[in-house]
């Protein structure tokens, strides 16, 4: 089956929307309907100056996938998490057109 590379980005901010840098974020994925989360890349990832972590993965397509990001919390901030469920990832297509004068 074909695969497609997808990039996953998570952003961690405080309640005022300010990015939190240098914080650990764990990224996970799974096939929709599965109960087991898989590490996406090497966890934990560390947020950059924009409060973001990014990683990519090759997924079998077409397929429906769930994605999860977790911040475990620290001495200053409480733990938080976010999920995107049932994300349909499809194979790329290419359309060409030819014009032939008669």
N, C-alpha and C. Protein backbone atom coordinates (compact mmCIF):
# COMPACT_ATOMS: atom_id res chain seq x y z
N UNK A 1 0.84 -1.18 0.00
CA UNK A 1 0.00 0.00 0.00
C UNK A 1 0.88 1.24 0.00
N UNK A 2 0.40 2.31 -0.62
CA UNK A 2 1.20 3.54 -0.64
C UNK A 2 1.24 4.21 0.73
N UNK A 3 2.25 5.04 0.92
CA UNK A 3 2.38 5.81 2.15
C UNK A 3 2.42 7.29 1.81
N UNK A 4 2.17 8.09 2.82
CA UNK A 4 2.25 9.54 2.68
C UNK A 4 2.87 10.11 3.95
N UNK A 5 3.79 11.02 3.77
CA UNK A 5 4.42 11.68 4.91
C UNK A 5 3.53 12.82 5.37
N UNK A 6 3.25 12.83 6.67
CA UNK A 6 2.49 13.94 7.27
C UNK A 6 3.34 14.58 8.34
N UNK A 7 3.16 15.87 8.50
CA UNK A 7 3.86 16.62 9.54
C UNK A 7 2.86 16.98 10.62
N UNK A 8 3.24 16.75 11.86
CA UNK A 8 2.39 17.05 13.02
C UNK A 8 3.07 18.14 13.84
N UNK A 9 2.31 19.19 14.14
CA UNK A 9 2.82 20.31 14.94
C UNK A 9 1.91 20.54 16.12
N UNK A 10 2.48 20.68 17.29
CA UNK A 10 1.72 21.01 18.50
C UNK A 10 2.29 22.31 19.06
N UNK A 11 1.41 23.15 19.59
CA UNK A 11 1.81 24.45 20.14
C UNK A 11 1.35 24.55 21.59
N UNK A 12 2.28 24.88 22.47
CA UNK A 12 1.99 25.03 23.89
C UNK A 12 2.07 26.51 24.27
N UNK A 13 0.98 27.02 24.86
CA UNK A 13 0.94 28.41 25.30
C UNK A 13 0.39 28.48 26.72
N UNK A 14 0.60 29.64 27.36
CA UNK A 14 -0.04 29.87 28.64
C UNK A 14 -1.47 30.36 28.39
N UNK A 15 -2.21 30.66 29.42
CA UNK A 15 -3.62 31.04 29.24
C UNK A 15 -3.78 32.39 28.55
N UNK A 16 -2.70 33.18 28.47
CA UNK A 16 -2.75 34.45 27.75
C UNK A 16 -2.32 34.31 26.30
N UNK A 17 -2.00 33.07 25.88
CA UNK A 17 -1.59 32.83 24.50
C UNK A 17 -0.11 33.02 24.24
N UNK A 18 0.67 33.21 25.29
CA UNK A 18 2.12 33.36 25.13
C UNK A 18 2.77 31.99 24.95
N UNK A 19 3.65 31.84 23.96
CA UNK A 19 4.29 30.54 23.74
C UNK A 19 5.21 30.18 24.90
N UNK A 20 5.23 28.88 25.22
CA UNK A 20 6.10 28.36 26.28
C UNK A 20 7.23 27.56 25.63
N UNK A 21 8.44 28.08 25.75
CA UNK A 21 9.59 27.41 25.13
C UNK A 21 10.31 26.52 26.13
N UNK A 22 11.03 25.54 25.59
CA UNK A 22 11.83 24.64 26.42
C UNK A 22 11.02 23.65 27.23
N UNK A 23 9.77 23.39 26.82
CA UNK A 23 8.90 22.47 27.56
C UNK A 23 8.79 21.13 26.82
N UNK A 24 8.66 20.02 27.57
CA UNK A 24 8.54 18.70 26.93
C UNK A 24 7.12 18.43 26.45
N UNK A 25 7.02 17.96 25.22
CA UNK A 25 5.74 17.56 24.63
C UNK A 25 5.90 16.16 24.07
N UNK A 26 4.97 15.28 24.38
CA UNK A 26 4.95 13.94 23.80
C UNK A 26 3.92 13.93 22.67
N UNK A 27 4.32 13.41 21.51
CA UNK A 27 3.43 13.28 20.36
C UNK A 27 3.13 11.81 20.11
N UNK A 28 1.87 11.53 19.81
CA UNK A 28 1.42 10.16 19.56
C UNK A 28 0.49 10.12 18.35
N UNK A 29 0.38 8.91 17.78
CA UNK A 29 -0.60 8.67 16.71
C UNK A 29 -1.11 7.24 16.84
N UNK A 30 -2.24 6.99 16.18
CA UNK A 30 -2.78 5.63 16.10
C UNK A 30 -3.77 5.59 14.95
N UNK A 31 -4.03 4.40 14.46
CA UNK A 31 -5.11 4.25 13.49
C UNK A 31 -6.41 4.50 14.23
N UNK A 32 -7.32 5.23 13.60
CA UNK A 32 -8.61 5.51 14.23
C UNK A 32 -9.28 4.19 14.61
N UNK A 33 -9.83 4.14 15.79
CA UNK A 33 -10.47 2.93 16.28
C UNK A 33 -9.57 2.05 17.12
N UNK A 34 -8.27 2.27 17.01
CA UNK A 34 -7.31 1.51 17.82
C UNK A 34 -7.30 2.08 19.24
N UNK A 35 -6.90 1.26 20.19
CA UNK A 35 -6.81 1.74 21.57
C UNK A 35 -5.37 2.00 21.99
N UNK A 36 -4.41 1.69 21.13
CA UNK A 36 -3.00 1.82 21.48
C UNK A 36 -2.38 3.01 20.77
N UNK A 37 -1.82 3.93 21.56
CA UNK A 37 -1.10 5.08 21.01
C UNK A 37 0.34 4.68 20.72
N UNK A 38 0.88 5.17 19.61
CA UNK A 38 2.26 4.94 19.22
C UNK A 38 3.03 6.25 19.32
N UNK A 39 4.29 6.19 19.77
CA UNK A 39 5.12 7.39 19.79
C UNK A 39 5.29 7.91 18.37
N UNK A 40 5.19 9.21 18.23
CA UNK A 40 5.48 9.86 16.95
C UNK A 40 6.86 10.48 17.10
N UNK A 41 7.85 9.86 16.50
CA UNK A 41 9.23 10.31 16.68
C UNK A 41 9.75 9.89 18.03
N UNK A 42 10.73 10.62 18.52
CA UNK A 42 11.35 10.32 19.81
C UNK A 42 10.81 11.27 20.86
N UNK A 43 10.06 10.74 21.80
CA UNK A 43 9.50 11.55 22.88
C UNK A 43 10.46 11.62 24.04
N UNK A 44 10.47 12.73 24.80
CA UNK A 44 9.69 13.93 24.54
C UNK A 44 10.38 14.84 23.53
N UNK A 45 9.57 15.65 22.84
CA UNK A 45 10.06 16.72 21.99
C UNK A 45 10.14 17.97 22.88
N UNK A 46 10.96 18.93 22.52
CA UNK A 46 11.10 20.15 23.31
C UNK A 46 10.61 21.35 22.50
N UNK A 47 9.72 22.15 23.10
CA UNK A 47 9.16 23.29 22.39
C UNK A 47 10.23 24.32 22.05
N UNK A 48 10.07 24.95 20.89
CA UNK A 48 10.99 25.99 20.43
C UNK A 48 10.53 27.36 20.96
N UNK A 49 11.11 28.44 20.47
CA UNK A 49 10.79 29.79 20.93
C UNK A 49 9.33 30.15 20.67
N UNK A 50 8.69 29.47 19.71
CA UNK A 50 7.28 29.71 19.40
C UNK A 50 6.35 28.77 20.17
N UNK A 51 6.92 27.97 21.09
CA UNK A 51 6.12 27.02 21.85
C UNK A 51 5.72 25.80 21.04
N UNK A 52 6.41 25.54 19.94
CA UNK A 52 6.01 24.47 19.03
C UNK A 52 7.00 23.31 19.00
N UNK A 53 6.44 22.14 18.75
CA UNK A 53 7.21 20.95 18.40
C UNK A 53 6.64 20.43 17.09
N UNK A 54 7.50 19.88 16.27
CA UNK A 54 7.09 19.35 14.97
C UNK A 54 7.82 18.05 14.71
N UNK A 55 7.10 17.09 14.16
CA UNK A 55 7.72 15.84 13.73
C UNK A 55 6.90 15.32 12.55
N UNK A 56 7.46 14.38 11.83
CA UNK A 56 6.75 13.82 10.68
C UNK A 56 6.78 12.31 10.74
N UNK A 57 5.84 11.71 10.02
CA UNK A 57 5.72 10.25 10.00
C UNK A 57 5.14 9.82 8.66
N UNK A 58 5.53 8.64 8.20
CA UNK A 58 4.96 8.05 6.99
C UNK A 58 3.80 7.16 7.40
N UNK A 59 2.62 7.43 6.86
CA UNK A 59 1.42 6.66 7.18
C UNK A 59 0.91 5.94 5.94
N UNK A 60 0.33 4.76 6.15
CA UNK A 60 -0.29 4.03 5.07
C UNK A 60 -1.57 4.75 4.67
N UNK A 61 -1.75 4.95 3.37
CA UNK A 61 -2.93 5.66 2.88
C UNK A 61 -3.69 4.82 1.88
N UNK A 62 -5.00 5.04 1.74
CA UNK A 62 -5.77 5.94 2.59
C UNK A 62 -5.98 5.33 3.97
N UNK A 63 -6.16 6.20 4.95
CA UNK A 63 -6.40 5.72 6.30
C UNK A 63 -6.86 6.85 7.20
N UNK A 64 -7.54 6.48 8.26
CA UNK A 64 -8.03 7.45 9.23
C UNK A 64 -7.18 7.30 10.50
N UNK A 65 -6.67 8.42 10.99
CA UNK A 65 -5.73 8.40 12.10
C UNK A 65 -6.13 9.41 13.18
N UNK A 66 -5.71 9.10 14.41
CA UNK A 66 -5.86 9.99 15.55
C UNK A 66 -4.47 10.48 15.94
N UNK A 67 -4.41 11.74 16.40
CA UNK A 67 -3.15 12.34 16.83
C UNK A 67 -3.35 12.94 18.21
N UNK A 68 -2.31 12.87 19.04
CA UNK A 68 -2.40 13.36 20.41
C UNK A 68 -1.08 14.03 20.80
N UNK A 69 -1.19 15.15 21.53
CA UNK A 69 -0.03 15.83 22.10
C UNK A 69 -0.28 15.96 23.60
N UNK A 70 0.76 15.71 24.39
CA UNK A 70 0.64 15.80 25.85
C UNK A 70 1.79 16.60 26.43
N UNK A 71 1.44 17.55 27.29
CA UNK A 71 2.42 18.25 28.11
C UNK A 71 2.23 17.71 29.52
N UNK A 72 3.27 17.09 30.11
CA UNK A 72 3.11 16.43 31.42
C UNK A 72 3.01 17.40 32.59
N UNK A 73 3.23 18.68 32.34
CA UNK A 73 3.23 19.65 33.43
C UNK A 73 4.61 19.75 34.05
N UNK A 74 4.81 20.83 34.80
CA UNK A 74 6.07 21.01 35.51
C UNK A 74 5.81 21.82 36.77
N UNK A 75 6.85 22.34 37.38
CA UNK A 75 6.66 23.07 38.64
C UNK A 75 5.95 24.41 38.47
N UNK A 76 5.81 24.87 37.22
CA UNK A 76 5.18 26.16 36.97
C UNK A 76 3.82 26.05 36.28
N UNK A 77 3.63 25.02 35.45
CA UNK A 77 2.41 24.88 34.65
C UNK A 77 1.78 23.50 34.83
N UNK A 78 0.44 23.47 34.79
CA UNK A 78 -0.27 22.19 34.92
C UNK A 78 -0.21 21.42 33.61
N UNK A 79 -0.48 20.14 33.70
CA UNK A 79 -0.48 19.26 32.53
C UNK A 79 -1.63 19.62 31.61
N UNK A 80 -1.44 19.36 30.31
CA UNK A 80 -2.52 19.54 29.34
C UNK A 80 -2.30 18.59 28.17
N UNK A 81 -3.37 18.39 27.40
CA UNK A 81 -3.29 17.52 26.23
C UNK A 81 -4.30 17.99 25.19
N UNK A 82 -4.08 17.56 23.96
CA UNK A 82 -4.98 17.87 22.86
C UNK A 82 -5.00 16.69 21.90
N UNK A 83 -6.17 16.48 21.27
CA UNK A 83 -6.30 15.39 20.30
C UNK A 83 -7.00 15.87 19.04
N UNK A 84 -6.61 15.29 17.92
CA UNK A 84 -7.32 15.41 16.65
C UNK A 84 -7.71 13.99 16.27
N UNK A 85 -8.99 13.73 16.16
CA UNK A 85 -9.47 12.38 15.90
C UNK A 85 -10.01 12.24 14.48
N UNK A 86 -9.92 11.02 13.96
CA UNK A 86 -10.48 10.65 12.66
C UNK A 86 -10.03 11.56 11.53
N UNK A 87 -8.72 11.78 11.47
CA UNK A 87 -8.16 12.58 10.39
C UNK A 87 -7.90 11.66 9.20
N UNK A 88 -8.64 11.89 8.10
CA UNK A 88 -8.49 11.05 6.90
C UNK A 88 -7.26 11.52 6.12
N UNK A 89 -6.31 10.63 5.95
CA UNK A 89 -5.11 10.91 5.18
C UNK A 89 -5.22 10.11 3.89
N UNK A 90 -5.21 10.81 2.78
CA UNK A 90 -5.38 10.18 1.47
C UNK A 90 -4.08 10.20 0.69
N UNK A 91 -4.01 9.36 -0.32
CA UNK A 91 -2.85 9.34 -1.21
C UNK A 91 -2.89 10.59 -2.09
N UNK A 92 -1.69 11.05 -2.45
CA UNK A 92 -1.59 12.19 -3.36
C UNK A 92 -2.03 11.78 -4.75
N UNK A 93 -2.47 12.75 -5.51
CA UNK A 93 -2.81 12.52 -6.91
C UNK A 93 -2.09 13.53 -7.77
N UNK A 94 -2.03 13.23 -9.04
CA UNK A 94 -1.46 14.16 -10.00
C UNK A 94 -2.34 14.14 -11.23
N UNK A 95 -2.75 15.29 -11.65
CA UNK A 95 -3.62 15.42 -12.81
C UNK A 95 -2.84 16.13 -13.91
N UNK A 96 -2.86 15.54 -15.09
CA UNK A 96 -2.21 16.19 -16.24
C UNK A 96 -3.25 16.41 -17.32
N UNK A 97 -2.99 17.35 -18.17
CA UNK A 97 -3.90 17.63 -19.28
C UNK A 97 -3.04 17.82 -20.53
N UNK A 98 -3.53 17.32 -21.63
CA UNK A 98 -2.84 17.42 -22.89
C UNK A 98 -3.79 18.03 -23.92
N UNK A 99 -3.27 18.96 -24.70
CA UNK A 99 -4.04 19.55 -25.78
C UNK A 99 -3.34 19.21 -27.10
N UNK A 100 -4.08 18.60 -28.00
CA UNK A 100 -3.52 18.23 -29.30
C UNK A 100 -4.28 18.94 -30.40
N UNK A 101 -3.62 19.85 -31.15
CA UNK A 101 -4.30 20.50 -32.28
C UNK A 101 -4.66 19.46 -33.34
N UNK A 102 -5.82 19.66 -33.95
CA UNK A 102 -6.26 18.72 -35.01
C UNK A 102 -6.11 19.34 -36.37
